[in-house]
Amino acid sequence: MIATELPPDLVHQREEIKGYCADAGLDFFETIFEMVDYKKMNELASLGGFPTRYPHWNFGMEYDRLEKSYSYGLHKIYEMVINNDPCYAYLLNCNKLVDQKLVIAHVYAHCDFFKNNLYFAHTNRKMVDEMANHSSKVWKFVRKHGYDKVEEFLDRCLSIDNLIDLHSVFFERRENQTASALDAEETETPSSNRFSTDKSYLDKYINPPEVIAEQKRKEEEAAKEEGKKYPPEPVQDVLLFLIEHAPLNNWQSDILSMIREEAYYFAPQGQTKIMNEGWATYWHSKIMTGKALTDAEVIDFADHHSGTVHATPNQMNPYKIGVELMRDIEERWNTGRFGKEFEECEDLEKKRNWNTDHGKGREKIFEVRRVYNDIGFLDTFLTQEFCREQKLFVYGYNDRRNAYEIQDREFKVIKQQILMQLTNMGSPFIFVEDANHKNRGELFLRHRHDGIDLRKDYAADVLKNIHAMWTRPVHIGTEIEERTKIISFDGNDYHVKDH
């Protein structure tokens, strides 16, 4: 089944809910809703929400997983929305009307978040078209170089797609200077030292392959003679460094650039998962309970909403934490339970009943939605009282009892544990430290150890894939069991030694 337009009765509900959302102050892109069956919904989910993606086995594997999970009754995707202008949203055709209304309100809140949150400000608002362009380019490379060769390189790129600088939203991110190879002559020329151009057909004229190769050779020789380390400062955007300095073919550089562009597009969604889902859940509950529900729909809504925010003992539900913290912020700023005077009050009874009728709660949560990501959100607004009310704690595995159990209820420990899980979206901080290690053109990476060791099997695979692009030995410095180690791959064997 292909996506279809909404039936007339649902169009009426959509327009009604859209009006409620606009009256509440939500500001969203035009949103196009389409109806799909569960097979199409699973297909879209496996493709990251986009109708067209480049060919890769991982998408098929994810589709198979979702199909089996749906068939066994383990999951059901109610909606999907794409950060784009206009936004595209998909509704499941087997949902009840009350579910469709809930989802529509939820989607409009997501679209408001996409449009107004600072971390989405630099995302590509025409990504649906861009994904289709990426697909057509990859298919052209497949026809020219063969499916297996292109897929193997895609595997390598996707294994390192988290090696970007997630926090570059506050400064102008330096784009790679590699022009598209689609209309240029594809040679074995390295892709560094290029002049940027928006017109790909001009690339072969302003970046002659022989000139680029000679410039790179001279720069490398000069660096070796001077004995200077390059880059002069550590570079966190490893993908960009490889695009500009690894001896990639033009088609390989183009694919790596696509993967990097998509990684930056998806990054804000990972950085704001709790806030985004909390914001959408807050508004769908407000709109439904205050405006859109009929008497006959109350029980079904309560049942499905409670399933959305259900908290399990062994994991953090972003919907639950997000919506409860949004409500807590609104309540605190309505009653004035913030600031120096409140914090320094030692009378517990007075603090419990504190109410200055400040009345700025709604204004505050709109401000929070605009300027924070998950780390700032939780670091700033997570309080000891909130943790106690929500029964948050740190748990771990007890080897003696062969079971998971509560290890700590201390607020500082809980907060530190949550923030550590969210930092860099749970990925390790990896930097390019030296591209001419030992004066032999070898690549040296550095892992910034934040209390969690690198998984050696993951590190080995990453080094192998980077080596395939760099073509010379690759090393990474890290800490393993509180000892500084260097893990190396020379193209044949792995080595681990003390630094």
Protein backbone atom coordinates (compact mmCIF):
# COMPACT_ATOMS: atom_id res chain seq x y z
CA MET A 1 0.00 0.00 0.00
CA ILE A 2 1.21 3.50 -0.79
CA ALA A 3 0.49 6.52 1.38
CA THR A 4 -2.99 8.00 0.87
CA GLU A 5 -4.68 11.22 1.86
CA LEU A 6 -6.74 11.44 5.03
CA PRO A 7 -10.47 10.59 4.87
CA PRO A 8 -12.85 13.59 5.11
CA ASP A 9 -13.82 12.99 8.77
CA LEU A 10 -10.17 12.93 9.81
CA VAL A 11 -9.44 16.06 7.76
CA HIS A 12 -12.07 17.84 9.85
CA GLN A 13 -10.48 16.56 13.08
CA ARG A 14 -7.04 17.60 11.85
CA GLU A 15 -8.16 21.16 11.14
CA GLU A 16 -9.90 21.39 14.51
CA ILE A 17 -6.83 20.16 16.42
CA LYS A 18 -4.56 22.39 14.34
CA GLY A 19 -6.62 25.36 15.50
CA TYR A 20 -6.40 24.27 19.14
CA CYS A 21 -2.60 23.97 18.85
CA ALA A 22 -2.25 27.39 17.20
CA ASP A 23 -4.46 28.98 19.87
CA ALA A 24 -2.19 27.48 22.55
CA GLY A 25 0.81 29.27 21.01
CA LEU A 26 2.41 26.43 19.05
CA ASP A 27 4.19 27.60 15.90
CA PHE A 28 4.80 24.86 13.35
CA PHE A 29 5.65 24.32 9.71
CA GLU A 30 2.90 23.32 7.34
CA THR A 31 2.30 19.65 8.09
CA ILE A 32 1.21 17.09 5.49
CA PHE A 33 -0.49 14.00 6.93
CA GLU A 34 -0.71 10.74 5.00
CA MET A 35 -2.40 7.46 5.90
CA VAL A 36 -0.44 4.18 5.63
CA ASP A 37 -0.89 0.55 6.63
CA TYR A 38 1.41 -1.19 9.10
CA LYS A 39 3.67 -2.62 6.37
CA LYS A 40 4.31 0.83 4.90
CA MET A 41 4.77 2.27 8.40
CA ASN A 42 7.40 -0.37 9.18
CA GLU A 43 9.10 0.34 5.86
CA LEU A 44 9.24 4.07 6.61
CA ALA A 45 10.52 3.39 10.12
CA SER A 46 13.29 1.14 8.78
CA LEU A 47 14.35 3.98 6.45
CA GLY A 48 14.54 6.51 9.28
CA GLY A 49 11.16 7.99 8.37
CA PHE A 50 12.06 8.91 4.78
CA PRO A 51 10.27 7.43 1.74
CA THR A 52 13.50 7.21 -0.29
CA ARG A 53 16.97 6.22 0.96
CA TYR A 54 20.13 4.81 -0.58
CA PRO A 55 20.32 1.00 -0.89
CA HIS A 56 21.83 -0.80 2.10
CA TRP A 57 21.27 -4.16 3.80
CA ASN A 58 20.80 -2.50 7.21
CA PHE A 59 17.45 -1.01 6.13
CA GLY A 60 16.18 -4.44 5.08
CA MET A 61 17.34 -6.01 8.32
CA GLU A 62 15.56 -3.31 10.35
CA TYR A 63 12.37 -3.80 8.33
CA ASP A 64 12.46 -7.53 9.00
CA ARG A 65 12.91 -6.89 12.74
CA LEU A 66 9.98 -4.45 12.83
CA GLU A 67 7.75 -6.81 10.84
CA LYS A 68 8.39 -9.70 13.24
CA SER A 69 7.98 -7.50 16.29
CA TYR A 70 4.62 -6.19 14.99
CA SER A 71 3.44 -9.70 14.07
CA TYR A 72 4.22 -10.97 17.58
CA GLY A 73 2.43 -8.02 19.16
CA LEU A 74 5.60 -6.60 20.71
CA HIS A 75 5.30 -3.10 19.24
CA LYS A 76 3.05 -0.82 17.23
CA ILE A 77 4.15 2.42 15.59
CA TYR A 78 1.33 4.93 15.94
CA GLU A 79 2.89 7.82 14.05
CA MET A 80 5.99 9.12 12.37
CA VAL A 81 6.95 12.71 11.62
CA ILE A 82 9.87 14.13 9.62
CA ASN A 83 11.73 17.36 10.41
CA ASN A 84 11.25 19.12 7.09
CA ASP A 85 9.54 22.20 5.65
CA PRO A 86 6.79 21.19 5.11
CA CYS A 87 6.79 18.47 7.78
CA TYR A 88 5.53 15.05 6.70
CA ALA A 89 3.60 12.88 9.14
CA TYR A 90 2.25 9.35 8.70
CA LEU A 91 -0.79 7.92 10.48
CA LEU A 92 -1.53 4.22 10.86
CA ASN A 93 -4.81 3.39 9.11
CA CYS A 94 -5.90 0.77 11.68
CA ASN A 95 -5.87 3.20 14.61
CA LYS A 96 -9.08 4.23 16.32
CA LEU A 97 -10.29 7.79 15.86
CA VAL A 98 -9.25 8.76 19.40
CA ASP A 99 -5.71 7.52 18.66
CA GLN A 100 -5.60 9.49 15.41
CA LYS A 101 -6.62 12.65 17.24
CA LEU A 102 -4.00 12.07 19.93
CA VAL A 103 -1.33 11.47 17.30
CA ILE A 104 -2.25 14.57 15.29
CA ALA A 105 -1.89 16.77 18.40
CA HIS A 106 1.38 14.98 19.22
CA VAL A 107 2.70 15.59 15.69
CA TYR A 108 1.91 19.31 15.70
CA ALA A 109 3.85 19.68 18.95
CA HIS A 110 6.82 17.83 17.42
CA CYS A 111 6.68 20.15 14.40
CA ASP A 112 6.66 23.17 16.72
CA PHE A 113 9.74 21.77 18.45
CA PHE A 114 11.53 21.16 15.14
CA LYS A 115 10.85 24.71 14.00
CA ASN A 116 11.75 26.55 17.21
CA ASN A 117 14.36 24.59 19.14
CA LEU A 118 17.86 26.04 18.80
CA TYR A 119 19.48 22.67 18.11
CA PHE A 120 17.38 22.20 14.96
CA ALA A 121 18.11 25.69 13.63
CA HIS A 122 20.88 24.53 11.28
CA THR A 123 19.26 21.33 10.04
CA ASN A 124 18.37 20.94 6.38
CA ARG A 125 14.67 21.78 6.04
CA LYS A 126 14.53 20.13 2.62
CA MET A 127 15.93 16.80 3.77
CA VAL A 128 13.25 14.72 2.04
CA ASP A 129 14.56 15.99 -1.30
CA GLU A 130 18.17 15.67 -0.15
CA MET A 131 17.70 12.02 0.85
CA ALA A 132 16.25 11.31 -2.60
CA ASN A 133 19.30 12.99 -4.17
CA HIS A 134 21.61 10.85 -2.02
CA SER A 135 19.77 7.75 -3.19
CA SER A 136 20.12 8.63 -6.88
CA LYS A 137 23.84 9.37 -6.44
CA VAL A 138 24.52 6.08 -4.69
CA TRP A 139 22.62 4.16 -7.37
CA LYS A 140 24.77 5.86 -10.01
CA PHE A 141 27.91 4.76 -8.15
CA VAL A 142 26.47 1.24 -7.90
CA ARG A 143 25.96 1.07 -11.66
CA LYS A 144 29.51 2.29 -12.28
CA HIS A 145 31.51 0.49 -9.56
CA GLY A 146 29.31 -2.46 -8.63
CA TYR A 147 26.91 -3.04 -5.76
CA ASP A 148 29.29 -5.00 -3.53
CA LYS A 149 32.05 -2.40 -3.73
CA VAL A 150 29.73 0.50 -2.93
CA GLU A 151 27.97 -1.40 -0.14
CA GLU A 152 31.29 -2.33 1.46
CA PHE A 153 32.31 1.32 1.54
CA LEU A 154 28.90 2.32 2.92
CA ASP A 155 29.41 -0.23 5.71
CA ARG A 156 32.68 1.45 6.63
CA CYS A 157 31.14 4.93 6.59
CA LEU A 158 28.14 3.93 8.70
CA SER A 159 30.40 2.30 11.31
CA ILE A 160 31.98 5.71 12.06
CA ASP A 161 29.02 8.04 11.43
CA ASN A 162 29.02 9.11 15.10
CA LEU A 163 32.56 10.58 14.83
CA ILE A 164 31.31 14.12 14.31
CA ASP A 165 31.27 17.28 16.44
CA LEU A 166 27.77 17.27 17.92
CA HIS A 167 28.22 20.60 19.67
CA SER A 168 29.03 22.68 16.61
CA VAL A 169 25.54 24.21 16.58
CA PHE A 170 26.82 27.34 18.35
CA PHE A 171 29.44 28.16 15.75
CA GLU A 172 29.56 28.05 12.00
CA ARG A 173 30.44 24.48 11.12
CA ARG A 174 33.17 24.26 8.50
CA GLU A 175 31.76 22.34 5.57
CA ASN A 176 33.93 19.92 3.65
CA GLN A 177 35.41 21.45 0.54
CA THR A 178 34.91 18.39 -1.59
CA ALA A 179 32.61 19.12 -4.50
CA SER A 180 30.28 16.45 -5.75
CA ALA A 181 31.87 13.89 -8.01
CA LEU A 182 28.60 13.18 -9.76
CA ASP A 183 29.28 15.36 -12.77
CA ALA A 184 33.06 15.55 -12.44
CA GLU A 185 35.62 13.16 -13.81
CA GLU A 186 36.08 10.33 -11.30
CA THR A 187 39.77 9.76 -10.78
CA GLU A 188 41.93 8.38 -8.02
CA THR A 189 42.84 11.92 -7.00
CA PRO A 190 42.85 12.61 -3.24
CA SER A 191 40.10 15.00 -2.16
CA SER A 192 42.07 17.51 -0.04
CA ASN A 193 43.20 21.07 -0.77
CA ARG A 194 40.19 21.95 -2.89
CA PHE A 195 38.51 25.27 -3.58
CA SER A 196 34.83 25.16 -2.72
CA THR A 197 32.16 25.65 -5.38
CA ASP A 198 28.41 25.34 -5.45
CA LYS A 199 28.58 24.23 -9.08
CA SER A 200 29.83 20.65 -9.25
CA TYR A 201 30.52 20.86 -13.00
CA LEU A 202 33.14 23.57 -12.31
CA ASP A 203 35.13 21.35 -9.96
CA LYS A 204 37.39 19.84 -12.62
CA TYR A 205 38.31 23.34 -13.84
CA ILE A 206 39.03 25.07 -10.51
CA ASN A 207 40.45 21.93 -8.85
CA PRO A 208 42.58 20.20 -11.54
CA PRO A 209 43.46 16.72 -10.22
CA GLU A 210 47.17 17.05 -10.93
CA VAL A 211 47.34 20.42 -9.12
CA ILE A 212 45.51 19.07 -6.06
CA ALA A 213 47.82 16.06 -5.85
CA GLU A 214 50.93 18.24 -6.14
CA GLN A 215 49.70 20.65 -3.46
CA LYS A 216 49.06 17.83 -1.03
CA ARG A 217 52.46 16.29 -1.71
CA LYS A 218 54.19 19.62 -1.03
CA GLU A 219 52.22 20.20 2.18
CA GLU A 220 53.02 16.73 3.49
CA GLU A 221 56.70 17.13 2.71
CA ALA A 222 56.77 20.56 4.35
CA ALA A 223 55.10 19.20 7.47
CA LYS A 224 57.60 16.36 7.69
CA GLU A 225 60.56 18.69 7.23
CA GLU A 226 59.32 21.08 9.88
CA GLY A 227 58.41 18.25 12.23
CA LYS A 228 55.10 19.93 13.04
CA LYS A 229 52.11 18.00 14.22
CA TYR A 230 49.08 18.24 11.99
CA PRO A 231 46.39 19.21 12.77
CA PRO A 232 47.74 21.87 15.15
CA GLU A 233 44.73 21.34 17.46
CA PRO A 234 42.71 18.14 17.99
CA VAL A 235 39.80 17.77 15.56
CA GLN A 236 36.58 16.17 16.76
CA ASP A 237 34.90 16.04 13.36
CA VAL A 238 36.76 12.93 12.24
CA LEU A 239 34.53 12.46 9.19
CA LEU A 240 35.36 15.90 7.84
CA PHE A 241 39.07 15.31 8.43
CA LEU A 242 38.92 12.06 6.46
CA ILE A 243 36.96 13.71 3.65
CA GLU A 244 39.55 16.45 3.31
CA HIS A 245 42.76 14.49 3.92
CA ALA A 246 42.28 10.76 3.32
CA PRO A 247 43.28 9.47 -0.15
CA LEU A 248 39.71 8.72 -1.15
CA ASN A 249 38.38 8.37 -4.66
CA ASN A 250 35.90 11.06 -5.59
CA TRP A 251 32.89 8.72 -5.36
CA GLN A 252 34.04 7.55 -1.93
CA SER A 253 34.47 11.13 -0.73
CA ASP A 254 31.00 11.93 -2.02
CA ILE A 255 29.43 9.02 -0.13
CA LEU A 256 31.26 9.89 3.09
CA SER A 257 30.05 13.48 2.71
CA MET A 258 26.47 12.21 2.39
CA ILE A 259 26.77 10.09 5.53
CA ARG A 260 28.24 13.05 7.41
CA GLU A 261 25.43 15.34 6.25
CA GLU A 262 22.81 12.83 7.39
CA ALA A 263 24.61 12.36 10.73
CA TYR A 264 24.39 16.10 11.43
CA TYR A 265 20.74 16.11 10.38
CA PHE A 266 19.80 13.32 12.80
CA ALA A 267 22.06 14.52 15.66
CA PRO A 268 19.62 17.08 17.17
CA GLN A 269 16.96 14.38 17.41
CA GLY A 270 19.30 12.34 19.57
CA GLN A 271 20.31 15.39 21.59
CA THR A 272 16.70 16.38 22.37
CA LYS A 273 14.87 13.03 22.60
CA ILE A 274 13.60 13.57 26.16
CA MET A 275 12.61 17.20 25.60
CA ASN A 276 11.02 16.58 22.21
CA GLU A 277 8.90 13.65 23.34
CA GLY A 278 8.09 15.37 26.63
CA TRP A 279 6.95 18.51 24.79
CA ALA A 280 4.76 16.53 22.35
CA THR A 281 3.27 14.43 25.18
CA TYR A 282 2.57 17.53 27.26
CA TRP A 283 0.63 19.14 24.43
CA HIS A 284 -1.27 16.10 23.22
CA SER A 285 -2.52 15.56 26.79
CA LYS A 286 -3.45 19.27 27.12
CA ILE A 287 -5.24 19.44 23.77
CA MET A 288 -7.04 16.13 24.18
CA THR A 289 -8.23 16.54 27.79
CA GLY A 290 -9.06 20.22 27.42
CA LYS A 291 -10.49 20.43 23.90
CA ALA A 292 -10.61 17.46 21.57
CA LEU A 293 -11.97 14.50 23.58
CA THR A 294 -15.58 13.42 23.56
CA ASP A 295 -17.09 11.74 26.62
CA ALA A 296 -17.02 8.36 24.90
CA GLU A 297 -13.28 8.63 24.17
CA VAL A 298 -12.00 9.43 27.68
CA ILE A 299 -11.35 5.84 28.77
CA ASP A 300 -9.55 4.85 25.55
CA PHE A 301 -7.43 7.99 25.68
CA ALA A 302 -6.47 7.41 29.32
CA ASP A 303 -5.55 3.81 28.55
CA HIS A 304 -3.33 4.65 25.57
CA HIS A 305 -1.78 7.75 27.13
CA SER A 306 -0.86 5.81 30.27
CA GLY A 307 0.85 3.22 28.08
CA THR A 308 2.91 5.98 26.47
CA VAL A 309 4.20 7.35 29.78
CA HIS A 310 4.51 4.03 31.57
CA ALA A 311 7.79 3.83 33.51
CA THR A 312 9.62 0.52 33.81
CA PRO A 313 12.09 -0.16 36.65
CA ASN A 314 15.13 -0.81 34.46
CA GLN A 315 15.02 2.01 31.93
CA MET A 316 14.21 5.68 31.54
CA ASN A 317 11.11 6.44 29.45
CA PRO A 318 11.80 9.76 27.62
CA TYR A 319 8.05 10.43 27.29
CA LYS A 320 7.54 10.05 31.04
CA ILE A 321 10.59 12.00 32.22
CA GLY A 322 10.10 14.70 29.59
CA VAL A 323 6.43 15.42 30.24
CA GLU A 324 6.73 15.23 34.03
CA LEU A 325 9.68 17.62 34.07
CA MET A 326 7.85 20.04 31.75
CA ARG A 327 4.90 19.99 34.12
CA ASP A 328 7.19 20.43 37.11
CA ILE A 329 8.85 23.47 35.52
CA GLU A 330 5.46 24.99 34.72
CA GLU A 331 4.26 24.44 38.29
CA ARG A 332 7.45 25.85 39.82
CA TRP A 333 7.36 29.01 37.70
CA ASN A 334 3.64 29.47 38.34
CA THR A 335 4.15 29.29 42.11
CA GLY A 336 7.54 31.00 42.29
CA ARG A 337 9.33 27.91 43.67
CA PHE A 338 12.70 28.90 42.21
CA GLY A 339 15.46 31.43 42.82
CA LYS A 340 17.69 32.32 45.75
CA GLU A 341 14.98 33.01 48.32
CA PHE A 342 13.26 29.69 47.71
CA GLU A 343 16.49 27.69 47.60
CA GLU A 344 17.80 29.18 50.85
CA CYS A 345 14.54 28.63 52.75
CA GLU A 346 15.16 26.00 55.46
CA ASP A 347 11.55 25.68 56.59
CA LEU A 348 10.37 22.48 54.89
CA GLU A 349 6.71 23.16 55.58
CA LYS A 350 6.99 26.66 54.14
CA LYS A 351 8.76 25.36 51.04
CA ARG A 352 6.11 22.69 50.56
CA ASN A 353 3.35 25.31 50.53
CA TRP A 354 5.33 28.02 48.73
CA ASN A 355 3.21 30.04 46.28
CA THR A 356 3.93 33.60 45.17
CA ASP A 357 1.47 33.44 42.24
CA HIS A 358 4.34 34.19 39.88
CA GLY A 359 2.25 32.89 36.97
CA LYS A 360 5.09 32.50 34.45
CA GLY A 361 4.91 28.73 33.99
CA ARG A 362 3.63 28.60 30.42
CA GLU A 363 6.07 31.30 29.34
CA LYS A 364 8.93 29.40 30.97
CA ILE A 365 8.29 26.07 29.26
CA PHE A 366 8.17 27.82 25.87
CA GLU A 367 11.56 29.34 26.70
CA VAL A 368 12.89 25.94 27.75
CA ARG A 369 11.63 24.40 24.50
CA ARG A 370 13.50 27.06 22.55
CA VAL A 371 17.00 27.06 24.06
CA TYR A 372 17.84 23.72 25.72
CA ASN A 373 18.88 20.24 24.72
CA ASP A 374 18.43 17.17 26.96
CA ILE A 375 21.67 17.67 28.89
CA GLY A 376 20.97 21.32 29.66
CA PHE A 377 17.31 20.52 30.36
CA LEU A 378 18.09 17.90 33.00
CA ASP A 379 21.18 19.61 34.39
CA THR A 380 19.26 22.85 34.96
CA PHE A 381 15.82 21.66 36.03
CA LEU A 382 16.21 18.20 37.54
CA THR A 383 15.76 18.66 41.30
CA GLN A 384 16.05 16.44 44.33
CA GLU A 385 12.31 16.77 44.93
CA PHE A 386 11.57 15.69 41.37
CA CYS A 387 13.80 12.60 41.66
CA ARG A 388 12.05 11.67 44.90
CA GLU A 389 8.57 12.11 43.41
CA GLN A 390 9.42 10.14 40.27
CA LYS A 391 11.22 7.43 42.26
CA LEU A 392 14.45 7.76 40.28
CA PHE A 393 17.44 5.74 41.44
CA VAL A 394 20.67 4.12 40.20
CA TYR A 395 20.56 0.37 39.72
CA GLY A 396 23.21 -2.18 38.83
CA TYR A 397 23.94 -5.90 38.62
CA ASN A 398 24.79 -7.77 41.81
CA ASP A 399 27.03 -10.73 40.98
CA ARG A 400 26.43 -12.39 44.34
CA ARG A 401 22.65 -12.28 44.05
CA ASN A 402 22.69 -12.75 40.27
CA ALA A 403 20.15 -9.96 39.86
CA TYR A 404 19.77 -6.23 39.25
CA GLU A 405 19.15 -4.12 42.33
CA ILE A 406 19.05 -0.52 43.53
CA GLN A 407 22.56 0.73 44.22
CA ASP A 408 22.06 4.39 45.09
CA ARG A 409 19.27 6.89 45.82
CA GLU A 410 21.58 9.89 46.29
CA PHE A 411 20.42 12.80 44.10
CA LYS A 412 23.89 13.79 42.91
CA VAL A 413 24.69 10.22 41.88
CA ILE A 414 21.38 9.86 40.03
CA LYS A 415 21.87 13.13 38.17
CA GLN A 416 25.48 12.32 37.27
CA GLN A 417 24.45 8.90 35.95
CA ILE A 418 21.70 10.36 33.76
CA LEU A 419 23.91 13.12 32.35
CA MET A 420 26.72 10.65 31.63
CA GLN A 421 24.33 8.51 29.57
CA LEU A 422 23.28 11.55 27.54
CA THR A 423 26.69 13.14 27.00
CA ASN A 424 27.65 12.96 23.32
CA MET A 425 24.55 10.75 22.87
CA GLY A 426 26.37 7.97 24.67
CA SER A 427 29.19 7.85 22.12
CA PRO A 428 32.86 8.23 23.14
CA PHE A 429 34.69 11.48 22.42
CA ILE A 430 37.24 10.74 19.68
CA PHE A 431 39.63 13.34 18.25
CA VAL A 432 42.17 13.39 15.43
CA GLU A 433 45.37 14.27 17.25
CA ASP A 434 48.12 13.67 14.72
CA ALA A 435 47.89 12.89 10.99
CA ASN A 436 51.65 12.40 10.66
CA HIS A 437 52.29 10.18 13.65
CA LYS A 438 55.96 9.20 14.02
CA ASN A 439 56.60 11.27 10.90
CA ARG A 440 55.29 8.38 8.79
CA GLY A 441 51.87 9.66 7.72
CA GLU A 442 50.11 7.43 10.24
CA LEU A 443 46.86 8.59 11.85
CA PHE A 444 46.72 8.96 15.63
CA LEU A 445 43.33 9.35 17.33
CA ARG A 446 42.74 10.18 20.97
CA HIS A 447 39.86 8.96 23.14
CA ARG A 448 38.87 11.41 25.86
CA HIS A 449 38.26 9.09 28.77
CA ASP A 450 35.22 10.13 30.83
CA GLY A 451 35.14 7.21 33.22
CA ILE A 452 34.01 4.55 30.74
CA ASP A 453 36.53 2.40 28.88
CA LEU A 454 36.31 1.89 25.13
CA ARG A 455 35.00 -1.48 24.07
CA LYS A 456 38.05 -3.06 22.50
CA ASP A 457 36.04 -4.99 19.90
CA TYR A 458 34.30 -1.80 18.76
CA ALA A 459 37.59 0.10 18.73
CA ALA A 460 39.22 -2.63 16.63
CA ASP A 461 36.44 -2.51 14.00
CA VAL A 462 36.56 1.30 13.84
CA LEU A 463 40.35 1.29 13.38
CA LYS A 464 40.02 -1.30 10.61
CA ASN A 465 37.44 0.79 8.75
CA ILE A 466 39.36 4.04 9.14
CA HIS A 467 42.52 2.28 7.97
CA ALA A 468 40.72 1.27 4.77
CA MET A 469 40.20 4.99 4.10
CA TRP A 470 43.52 6.31 5.41
CA THR A 471 45.55 3.39 3.89
CA ARG A 472 48.28 3.76 6.55
CA PRO A 473 48.45 2.45 10.13
CA VAL A 474 45.87 3.94 12.49
CA HIS A 475 46.23 4.26 16.27
CA ILE A 476 44.01 5.35 19.13
CA GLY A 477 45.18 6.39 22.58
CA THR A 478 42.84 5.55 25.44
CA GLU A 479 42.65 4.25 29.01
CA ILE A 480 41.96 0.60 29.70
CA GLU A 481 41.56 -0.43 33.34
CA GLU A 482 43.08 2.90 34.43
CA ARG A 483 46.21 2.41 32.32
CA THR A 484 47.04 4.49 29.22
CA LYS A 485 47.11 2.24 26.17
CA ILE A 486 47.50 2.59 22.41
CA ILE A 487 45.47 0.32 20.16
CA SER A 488 46.88 0.08 16.64
CA PHE A 489 45.94 -1.51 13.34
CA ASP A 490 48.47 -1.74 10.52
CA GLY A 491 46.26 -3.36 7.89
CA ASN A 492 46.94 -6.92 9.02
CA ASP A 493 47.19 -7.14 12.81
CA TYR A 494 46.01 -5.34 15.94
CA HIS A 495 48.42 -4.33 18.66
CA VAL A 496 47.77 -3.03 22.17
CA LYS A 497 50.65 -1.53 24.10
CA ASP A 498 51.34 0.82 26.98
CA HIS A 499 51.74 4.47 26.09
